Amino acid sequence: MRAYADSSFLVKLVSREEGSEAAQAEYRRLDLPPLYFLPLHALEVENAIHQRAFFQRRSLPSRRREAVSRERMETSARLQWMINRGAFCETSGDWNQAVTSARALAARHTERLGTRTYDLLHVAFALELKAEKFLTTDQRQSTLAKAEGLSVIALKD
């Protein structure tokens, strides 16, 4: 099965945050298909890990901040483990085609759905890569993907 997970879903797979167990259970239910992993995913997932640490450090007392670094390192290690074992299949995709497709998606849907640029890019790449399943925790992205005929598995964020 060709499966495309957006960054919100991938973050849930590698982290220990609310919704992670549901994402992991859904991924197992699908028989652990390899998931496309673009440079876009790498940027968004890695940044989400760092951003989570940033916000935790700002809200936790100083005696608990060491745990933030440990959690960040563990999450980064799980991400690398998923890449190394082939669960996340690194691919580049055709960025020019994806941007062209995303612009067309924007013209068709953004005024009605309020989609963001990253929503458009993820759906454009999923279409380009001929994904059979689209996994997300983002409602707008789910609606956009369904409008474009993708088979969507949407979990609540």
N, C-alpha and C. Protein backbone atom coordinates (compact mmCIF):
# COMPACT_ATOMS: atom_id res chain seq x y z
N MET A 1 0.84 -1.18 0.00
CA MET A 1 0.00 0.00 0.00
C MET A 1 0.89 1.25 0.00
N ARG A 2 0.54 2.20 -0.85
CA ARG A 2 1.24 3.49 -0.88
C ARG A 2 0.50 4.43 0.07
N ALA A 3 1.15 4.78 1.16
CA ALA A 3 0.51 5.62 2.18
C ALA A 3 1.29 6.91 2.37
N TYR A 4 0.53 7.98 2.51
CA TYR A 4 1.10 9.30 2.74
C TYR A 4 0.54 9.82 4.06
N ALA A 5 1.40 10.10 4.99
CA ALA A 5 0.98 10.70 6.26
C ALA A 5 1.49 12.13 6.29
N ASP A 6 0.65 13.05 6.70
CA ASP A 6 1.13 14.41 6.84
C ASP A 6 1.98 14.51 8.10
N SER A 7 2.61 15.63 8.26
CA SER A 7 3.55 15.80 9.37
C SER A 7 2.88 15.66 10.73
N SER A 8 1.63 16.10 10.85
CA SER A 8 0.94 15.98 12.15
C SER A 8 0.82 14.52 12.57
N PHE A 9 0.56 13.66 11.62
CA PHE A 9 0.44 12.23 11.91
C PHE A 9 1.81 11.63 12.24
N LEU A 10 2.83 12.01 11.47
CA LEU A 10 4.18 11.48 11.71
C LEU A 10 4.69 11.88 13.09
N VAL A 11 4.42 13.13 13.50
CA VAL A 11 4.84 13.58 14.83
C VAL A 11 4.21 12.70 15.90
N LYS A 12 2.94 12.38 15.71
CA LYS A 12 2.26 11.51 16.69
C LYS A 12 2.90 10.12 16.73
N LEU A 13 3.38 9.63 15.59
CA LEU A 13 4.01 8.31 15.57
C LEU A 13 5.33 8.27 16.33
N VAL A 14 6.07 9.35 16.34
CA VAL A 14 7.40 9.33 16.96
C VAL A 14 7.46 9.96 18.34
N SER A 15 6.40 10.64 18.75
CA SER A 15 6.43 11.34 20.03
C SER A 15 5.56 10.63 21.06
N ARG A 16 5.59 11.16 22.23
CA ARG A 16 4.73 10.69 23.33
C ARG A 16 3.87 11.87 23.75
N GLU A 17 2.90 12.18 22.91
CA GLU A 17 2.00 13.29 23.20
C GLU A 17 0.57 12.82 23.05
N GLU A 18 -0.36 13.67 23.40
CA GLU A 18 -1.76 13.30 23.28
C GLU A 18 -2.07 12.91 21.83
N GLY A 19 -2.71 11.79 21.65
CA GLY A 19 -3.05 11.31 20.33
C GLY A 19 -2.04 10.34 19.73
N SER A 20 -0.89 10.20 20.37
CA SER A 20 0.15 9.30 19.84
C SER A 20 -0.31 7.85 19.82
N GLU A 21 -0.96 7.42 20.89
CA GLU A 21 -1.40 6.03 20.95
C GLU A 21 -2.41 5.72 19.85
N ALA A 22 -3.31 6.65 19.58
CA ALA A 22 -4.31 6.44 18.52
C ALA A 22 -3.64 6.36 17.15
N ALA A 23 -2.67 7.22 16.91
CA ALA A 23 -1.95 7.22 15.62
C ALA A 23 -1.18 5.91 15.46
N GLN A 24 -0.50 5.48 16.52
CA GLN A 24 0.26 4.24 16.46
C GLN A 24 -0.67 3.04 16.25
N ALA A 25 -1.82 3.04 16.89
CA ALA A 25 -2.77 1.94 16.72
C ALA A 25 -3.31 1.90 15.29
N GLU A 26 -3.60 3.06 14.73
CA GLU A 26 -4.10 3.13 13.35
C GLU A 26 -3.03 2.65 12.37
N TYR A 27 -1.80 3.05 12.60
CA TYR A 27 -0.68 2.64 11.75
C TYR A 27 -0.51 1.11 11.81
N ARG A 28 -0.61 0.53 13.00
CA ARG A 28 -0.53 -0.93 13.13
C ARG A 28 -1.72 -1.60 12.44
N ARG A 29 -2.92 -1.02 12.59
CA ARG A 29 -4.12 -1.58 11.95
C ARG A 29 -3.96 -1.65 10.43
N LEU A 30 -3.23 -0.71 9.87
CA LEU A 30 -2.98 -0.69 8.42
C LEU A 30 -1.85 -1.63 8.02
N ASP A 31 -1.28 -2.36 8.97
CA ASP A 31 -0.17 -3.30 8.74
C ASP A 31 1.17 -2.61 8.52
N LEU A 32 1.37 -1.48 9.17
CA LEU A 32 2.66 -0.78 9.16
C LEU A 32 3.17 -0.49 7.75
N PRO A 33 2.36 0.16 6.91
CA PRO A 33 2.85 0.43 5.54
C PRO A 33 3.98 1.44 5.56
N PRO A 34 4.92 1.33 4.62
CA PRO A 34 5.95 2.36 4.51
C PRO A 34 5.27 3.69 4.20
N LEU A 35 5.70 4.75 4.86
CA LEU A 35 5.12 6.08 4.68
C LEU A 35 6.12 6.97 3.94
N TYR A 36 5.63 7.68 2.94
CA TYR A 36 6.50 8.62 2.23
C TYR A 36 7.06 9.62 3.23
N PHE A 37 8.34 9.96 3.06
CA PHE A 37 9.00 10.92 3.94
C PHE A 37 9.82 11.87 3.08
N LEU A 38 9.24 13.03 2.84
CA LEU A 38 9.84 14.05 2.00
C LEU A 38 10.70 15.02 2.83
N PRO A 39 11.54 15.82 2.17
CA PRO A 39 12.24 16.88 2.91
C PRO A 39 11.27 17.79 3.66
N LEU A 40 10.08 17.99 3.12
CA LEU A 40 9.04 18.76 3.79
C LEU A 40 8.69 18.13 5.13
N HIS A 41 8.54 16.81 5.16
CA HIS A 41 8.27 16.10 6.41
C HIS A 41 9.44 16.27 7.38
N ALA A 42 10.65 16.08 6.88
CA ALA A 42 11.82 16.18 7.75
C ALA A 42 11.84 17.54 8.45
N LEU A 43 11.64 18.59 7.68
CA LEU A 43 11.64 19.94 8.24
C LEU A 43 10.53 20.09 9.27
N GLU A 44 9.32 19.73 8.91
CA GLU A 44 8.19 19.93 9.82
C GLU A 44 8.27 19.07 11.08
N VAL A 45 8.64 17.80 10.93
CA VAL A 45 8.69 16.91 12.08
C VAL A 45 9.84 17.31 13.01
N GLU A 46 11.02 17.55 12.47
CA GLU A 46 12.14 17.96 13.31
C GLU A 46 11.84 19.28 14.01
N ASN A 47 11.24 20.23 13.29
CA ASN A 47 10.92 21.50 13.90
C ASN A 47 9.86 21.35 14.98
N ALA A 48 8.88 20.47 14.76
CA ALA A 48 7.85 20.23 15.78
C ALA A 48 8.47 19.68 17.07
N ILE A 49 9.47 18.82 16.93
CA ILE A 49 10.16 18.27 18.10
C ILE A 49 10.85 19.40 18.86
N HIS A 50 11.55 20.26 18.15
CA HIS A 50 12.25 21.38 18.80
C HIS A 50 11.26 22.39 19.38
N GLN A 51 10.18 22.64 18.66
CA GLN A 51 9.19 23.60 19.13
C GLN A 51 8.50 23.10 20.40
N ARG A 52 8.21 21.82 20.45
CA ARG A 52 7.61 21.25 21.66
C ARG A 52 8.54 21.45 22.85
N ALA A 53 9.85 21.21 22.66
CA ALA A 53 10.82 21.42 23.73
C ALA A 53 10.83 22.89 24.17
N PHE A 54 10.77 23.79 23.21
CA PHE A 54 10.75 25.22 23.51
C PHE A 54 9.58 25.56 24.43
N PHE A 55 8.39 25.12 24.04
CA PHE A 55 7.21 25.45 24.84
C PHE A 55 7.21 24.75 26.19
N GLN A 56 7.72 23.53 26.25
CA GLN A 56 7.81 22.84 27.54
C GLN A 56 8.77 23.57 28.47
N ARG A 57 9.91 24.00 27.96
CA ARG A 57 10.89 24.70 28.79
C ARG A 57 10.30 25.99 29.36
N ARG A 58 9.45 26.63 28.60
CA ARG A 58 8.85 27.89 29.05
C ARG A 58 7.80 27.67 30.12
N SER A 59 7.20 26.48 30.15
CA SER A 59 6.09 26.25 31.07
C SER A 59 6.45 25.37 32.27
N LEU A 60 7.60 24.70 32.22
CA LEU A 60 7.97 23.80 33.31
C LEU A 60 8.90 24.49 34.30
N PRO A 61 8.84 24.08 35.56
CA PRO A 61 9.82 24.59 36.53
C PRO A 61 11.22 24.10 36.17
N SER A 62 12.22 24.83 36.57
CA SER A 62 13.60 24.54 36.17
C SER A 62 14.04 23.13 36.55
N ARG A 63 13.56 22.58 37.65
CA ARG A 63 13.97 21.24 38.09
C ARG A 63 13.48 20.14 37.14
N ARG A 64 12.49 20.45 36.29
CA ARG A 64 11.95 19.46 35.35
C ARG A 64 12.43 19.66 33.93
N ARG A 65 13.25 20.68 33.69
CA ARG A 65 13.67 20.99 32.33
C ARG A 65 14.63 19.95 31.75
N GLU A 66 15.35 19.24 32.60
CA GLU A 66 16.24 18.19 32.11
C GLU A 66 15.44 17.10 31.39
N ALA A 67 14.25 16.85 31.88
CA ALA A 67 13.39 15.85 31.25
C ALA A 67 13.00 16.26 29.83
N VAL A 68 12.93 17.55 29.59
CA VAL A 68 12.58 18.05 28.25
C VAL A 68 13.66 17.65 27.25
N SER A 69 14.91 17.83 27.61
CA SER A 69 16.01 17.44 26.72
C SER A 69 16.02 15.95 26.47
N ARG A 70 15.77 15.18 27.50
CA ARG A 70 15.73 13.72 27.37
C ARG A 70 14.59 13.31 26.43
N GLU A 71 13.41 13.91 26.60
CA GLU A 71 12.28 13.59 25.74
C GLU A 71 12.56 13.98 24.29
N ARG A 72 13.18 15.15 24.08
CA ARG A 72 13.52 15.59 22.72
C ARG A 72 14.48 14.61 22.07
N MET A 73 15.49 14.17 22.81
CA MET A 73 16.46 13.22 22.26
C MET A 73 15.80 11.87 21.96
N GLU A 74 14.91 11.40 22.83
CA GLU A 74 14.22 10.14 22.60
C GLU A 74 13.32 10.22 21.36
N THR A 75 12.62 11.33 21.21
CA THR A 75 11.74 11.50 20.06
C THR A 75 12.55 11.56 18.77
N SER A 76 13.66 12.29 18.80
CA SER A 76 14.54 12.37 17.63
C SER A 76 15.11 10.99 17.29
N ALA A 77 15.45 10.22 18.31
CA ALA A 77 15.98 8.87 18.09
C ALA A 77 14.90 7.96 17.48
N ARG A 78 13.64 8.09 17.93
CA ARG A 78 12.55 7.29 17.35
C ARG A 78 12.34 7.67 15.88
N LEU A 79 12.43 8.95 15.58
CA LEU A 79 12.31 9.40 14.19
C LEU A 79 13.39 8.75 13.34
N GLN A 80 14.62 8.80 13.78
CA GLN A 80 15.73 8.22 13.02
C GLN A 80 15.57 6.70 12.90
N TRP A 81 15.09 6.07 13.95
CA TRP A 81 14.86 4.62 13.92
C TRP A 81 13.82 4.26 12.86
N MET A 82 12.75 5.05 12.78
CA MET A 82 11.70 4.80 11.78
C MET A 82 12.26 4.96 10.37
N ILE A 83 13.11 5.94 10.17
CA ILE A 83 13.74 6.14 8.86
C ILE A 83 14.68 4.97 8.55
N ASN A 84 15.52 4.61 9.50
CA ASN A 84 16.51 3.54 9.29
C ASN A 84 15.86 2.19 9.00
N ARG A 85 14.74 1.89 9.62
CA ARG A 85 14.11 0.59 9.39
C ARG A 85 13.18 0.60 8.19
N GLY A 86 13.05 1.74 7.51
CA GLY A 86 12.27 1.81 6.29
C GLY A 86 10.80 2.10 6.49
N ALA A 87 10.40 2.40 7.71
CA ALA A 87 9.00 2.75 7.97
C ALA A 87 8.66 4.08 7.31
N PHE A 88 9.63 4.98 7.32
CA PHE A 88 9.50 6.26 6.63
C PHE A 88 10.42 6.18 5.42
N CYS A 89 9.85 6.18 4.23
CA CYS A 89 10.62 6.04 2.99
C CYS A 89 11.00 7.42 2.46
N GLU A 90 12.26 7.71 2.53
CA GLU A 90 12.73 9.01 2.07
C GLU A 90 12.59 9.11 0.55
N THR A 91 11.96 10.18 0.13
CA THR A 91 11.76 10.47 -1.28
C THR A 91 11.76 11.97 -1.44
N SER A 92 12.05 12.43 -2.63
CA SER A 92 12.11 13.89 -2.80
C SER A 92 10.86 14.45 -3.45
N GLY A 93 10.21 13.72 -4.31
CA GLY A 93 9.05 14.26 -5.01
C GLY A 93 9.48 15.36 -5.97
N ASP A 94 8.59 15.76 -6.81
CA ASP A 94 8.87 16.82 -7.77
C ASP A 94 8.27 18.12 -7.22
N TRP A 95 9.13 18.95 -6.66
CA TRP A 95 8.68 20.18 -6.01
C TRP A 95 7.99 21.13 -6.99
N ASN A 96 8.51 21.26 -8.18
CA ASN A 96 7.88 22.16 -9.15
C ASN A 96 6.47 21.69 -9.47
N GLN A 97 6.31 20.39 -9.68
CA GLN A 97 4.97 19.85 -9.96
C GLN A 97 4.06 20.01 -8.74
N ALA A 98 4.60 19.77 -7.55
CA ALA A 98 3.79 19.90 -6.34
C ALA A 98 3.31 21.34 -6.14
N VAL A 99 4.18 22.30 -6.38
CA VAL A 99 3.77 23.70 -6.23
C VAL A 99 2.72 24.06 -7.27
N THR A 100 2.90 23.60 -8.50
CA THR A 100 1.90 23.85 -9.54
C THR A 100 0.56 23.23 -9.14
N SER A 101 0.60 21.99 -8.66
CA SER A 101 -0.63 21.32 -8.21
C SER A 101 -1.24 22.03 -7.01
N ALA A 102 -0.41 22.45 -6.07
CA ALA A 102 -0.90 23.15 -4.88
C ALA A 102 -1.59 24.45 -5.26
N ARG A 103 -1.05 25.15 -6.24
CA ARG A 103 -1.70 26.39 -6.69
C ARG A 103 -3.08 26.10 -7.29
N ALA A 104 -3.17 25.02 -8.03
CA ALA A 104 -4.47 24.63 -8.60
C ALA A 104 -5.44 24.23 -7.49
N LEU A 105 -4.94 23.50 -6.49
CA LEU A 105 -5.78 23.13 -5.35
C LEU A 105 -6.26 24.38 -4.61
N ALA A 106 -5.38 25.34 -4.45
CA ALA A 106 -5.74 26.60 -3.77
C ALA A 106 -6.88 27.30 -4.51
N ALA A 107 -6.75 27.36 -5.83
CA ALA A 107 -7.78 28.03 -6.63
C ALA A 107 -9.13 27.31 -6.50
N ARG A 108 -9.09 25.98 -6.38
CA ARG A 108 -10.34 25.21 -6.29
C ARG A 108 -10.95 25.19 -4.89
N HIS A 109 -10.10 25.23 -3.85
CA HIS A 109 -10.61 24.91 -2.51
C HIS A 109 -10.38 25.92 -1.40
N THR A 110 -9.34 26.74 -1.46
CA THR A 110 -8.98 27.53 -0.29
C THR A 110 -10.05 28.52 0.14
N GLU A 111 -10.69 29.14 -0.80
CA GLU A 111 -11.72 30.12 -0.42
C GLU A 111 -12.86 29.47 0.36
N ARG A 112 -13.14 28.23 0.05
CA ARG A 112 -14.22 27.50 0.72
C ARG A 112 -13.76 26.80 2.00
N LEU A 113 -12.51 26.26 1.98
CA LEU A 113 -12.04 25.43 3.10
C LEU A 113 -11.06 26.14 4.04
N GLY A 114 -10.47 27.24 3.58
CA GLY A 114 -9.48 27.92 4.42
C GLY A 114 -8.17 27.18 4.54
N THR A 115 -7.81 26.43 3.52
CA THR A 115 -6.59 25.61 3.57
C THR A 115 -5.33 26.49 3.59
N ARG A 116 -4.33 26.00 4.30
CA ARG A 116 -3.04 26.66 4.40
C ARG A 116 -2.11 26.10 3.33
N THR A 117 -1.01 26.80 3.12
CA THR A 117 -0.05 26.38 2.10
C THR A 117 0.45 24.96 2.36
N TYR A 118 0.78 24.64 3.62
CA TYR A 118 1.28 23.30 3.90
C TYR A 118 0.21 22.23 3.68
N ASP A 119 -1.05 22.55 3.94
CA ASP A 119 -2.14 21.62 3.63
C ASP A 119 -2.12 21.30 2.14
N LEU A 120 -2.03 22.36 1.34
CA LEU A 120 -2.04 22.21 -0.12
C LEU A 120 -0.85 21.39 -0.60
N LEU A 121 0.33 21.66 -0.05
CA LEU A 121 1.53 20.93 -0.47
C LEU A 121 1.44 19.45 -0.11
N HIS A 122 0.98 19.14 1.09
CA HIS A 122 0.87 17.72 1.48
C HIS A 122 -0.10 16.98 0.57
N VAL A 123 -1.23 17.56 0.29
CA VAL A 123 -2.20 16.89 -0.58
C VAL A 123 -1.65 16.80 -1.99
N ALA A 124 -0.99 17.84 -2.47
CA ALA A 124 -0.39 17.81 -3.81
C ALA A 124 0.65 16.69 -3.92
N PHE A 125 1.50 16.55 -2.91
CA PHE A 125 2.49 15.47 -2.94
C PHE A 125 1.82 14.10 -2.86
N ALA A 126 0.80 13.96 -2.03
CA ALA A 126 0.10 12.68 -1.93
C ALA A 126 -0.50 12.29 -3.28
N LEU A 127 -1.06 13.26 -3.96
CA LEU A 127 -1.62 12.99 -5.30
C LEU A 127 -0.52 12.64 -6.29
N GLU A 128 0.57 13.39 -6.27
CA GLU A 128 1.69 13.13 -7.19
C GLU A 128 2.27 11.74 -6.97
N LEU A 129 2.37 11.33 -5.71
CA LEU A 129 2.96 10.03 -5.38
C LEU A 129 1.95 8.89 -5.48
N LYS A 130 0.72 9.23 -5.87
CA LYS A 130 -0.35 8.25 -6.06
C LYS A 130 -0.62 7.44 -4.78
N ALA A 131 -0.70 8.17 -3.67
CA ALA A 131 -0.97 7.53 -2.38
C ALA A 131 -2.35 6.89 -2.39
N GLU A 132 -2.42 5.72 -1.80
CA GLU A 132 -3.69 5.01 -1.67
C GLU A 132 -4.41 5.39 -0.38
N LYS A 133 -3.65 5.81 0.61
CA LYS A 133 -4.20 6.27 1.89
C LYS A 133 -3.52 7.58 2.26
N PHE A 134 -4.29 8.46 2.87
CA PHE A 134 -3.78 9.74 3.35
C PHE A 134 -4.10 9.81 4.84
N LEU A 135 -3.07 9.88 5.68
CA LEU A 135 -3.25 9.87 7.13
C LEU A 135 -2.97 11.26 7.69
N THR A 136 -3.86 11.74 8.53
CA THR A 136 -3.70 13.09 9.08
C THR A 136 -4.42 13.23 10.41
N THR A 137 -4.06 14.26 11.14
CA THR A 137 -4.81 14.67 12.33
C THR A 137 -5.38 16.07 12.12
N ASP A 138 -5.25 16.59 10.91
CA ASP A 138 -5.65 17.96 10.59
C ASP A 138 -6.98 17.96 9.82
N GLN A 139 -7.98 18.57 10.39
CA GLN A 139 -9.32 18.54 9.80
C GLN A 139 -9.38 19.20 8.43
N ARG A 140 -8.77 20.38 8.28
CA ARG A 140 -8.81 21.06 6.97
C ARG A 140 -8.12 20.23 5.90
N GLN A 141 -6.99 19.65 6.28
CA GLN A 141 -6.25 18.83 5.33
C GLN A 141 -7.05 17.59 4.95
N SER A 142 -7.74 17.02 5.92
CA SER A 142 -8.59 15.86 5.67
C SER A 142 -9.69 16.22 4.68
N THR A 143 -10.33 17.35 4.88
CA THR A 143 -11.42 17.78 4.00
C THR A 143 -10.90 18.02 2.59
N LEU A 144 -9.74 18.66 2.48
CA LEU A 144 -9.12 18.91 1.18
C LEU A 144 -8.78 17.60 0.47
N ALA A 145 -8.15 16.69 1.20
CA ALA A 145 -7.75 15.40 0.61
C ALA A 145 -8.98 14.62 0.12
N LYS A 146 -10.05 14.62 0.91
CA LYS A 146 -11.28 13.94 0.49
C LYS A 146 -11.86 14.60 -0.75
N ALA A 147 -11.82 15.94 -0.79
CA ALA A 147 -12.36 16.66 -1.95
C ALA A 147 -11.60 16.31 -3.22
N GLU A 148 -10.33 15.89 -3.08
CA GLU A 148 -9.52 15.51 -4.23
C GLU A 148 -9.54 14.00 -4.49
N GLY A 149 -10.41 13.28 -3.77
CA GLY A 149 -10.59 11.87 -4.05
C GLY A 149 -9.66 10.92 -3.33
N LEU A 150 -8.88 11.42 -2.37
CA LEU A 150 -7.99 10.54 -1.63
C LEU A 150 -8.77 9.78 -0.55
N SER A 151 -8.35 8.56 -0.26
CA SER A 151 -8.91 7.78 0.82
C SER A 151 -8.22 8.25 2.11
N VAL A 152 -8.99 8.85 3.00
CA VAL A 152 -8.42 9.56 4.16
C VAL A 152 -8.70 8.82 5.45
N ILE A 153 -7.68 8.75 6.28
CA ILE A 153 -7.82 8.31 7.67
C ILE A 153 -7.47 9.53 8.50
N ALA A 154 -8.47 10.08 9.16
CA ALA A 154 -8.28 11.31 9.94
C ALA A 154 -8.52 11.03 11.41
N LEU A 155 -7.51 11.30 12.22
CA LEU A 155 -7.65 11.20 13.66
C LEU A 155 -7.84 12.60 14.23
N LYS A 156 -8.46 12.68 15.36
CA LYS A 156 -8.63 13.98 16.01
C LYS A 156 -7.31 14.40 16.61
N ASP A 157 -7.02 15.68 16.44
CA ASP A 157 -5.76 16.23 17.00
C ASP A 157 -5.91 16.54 18.45
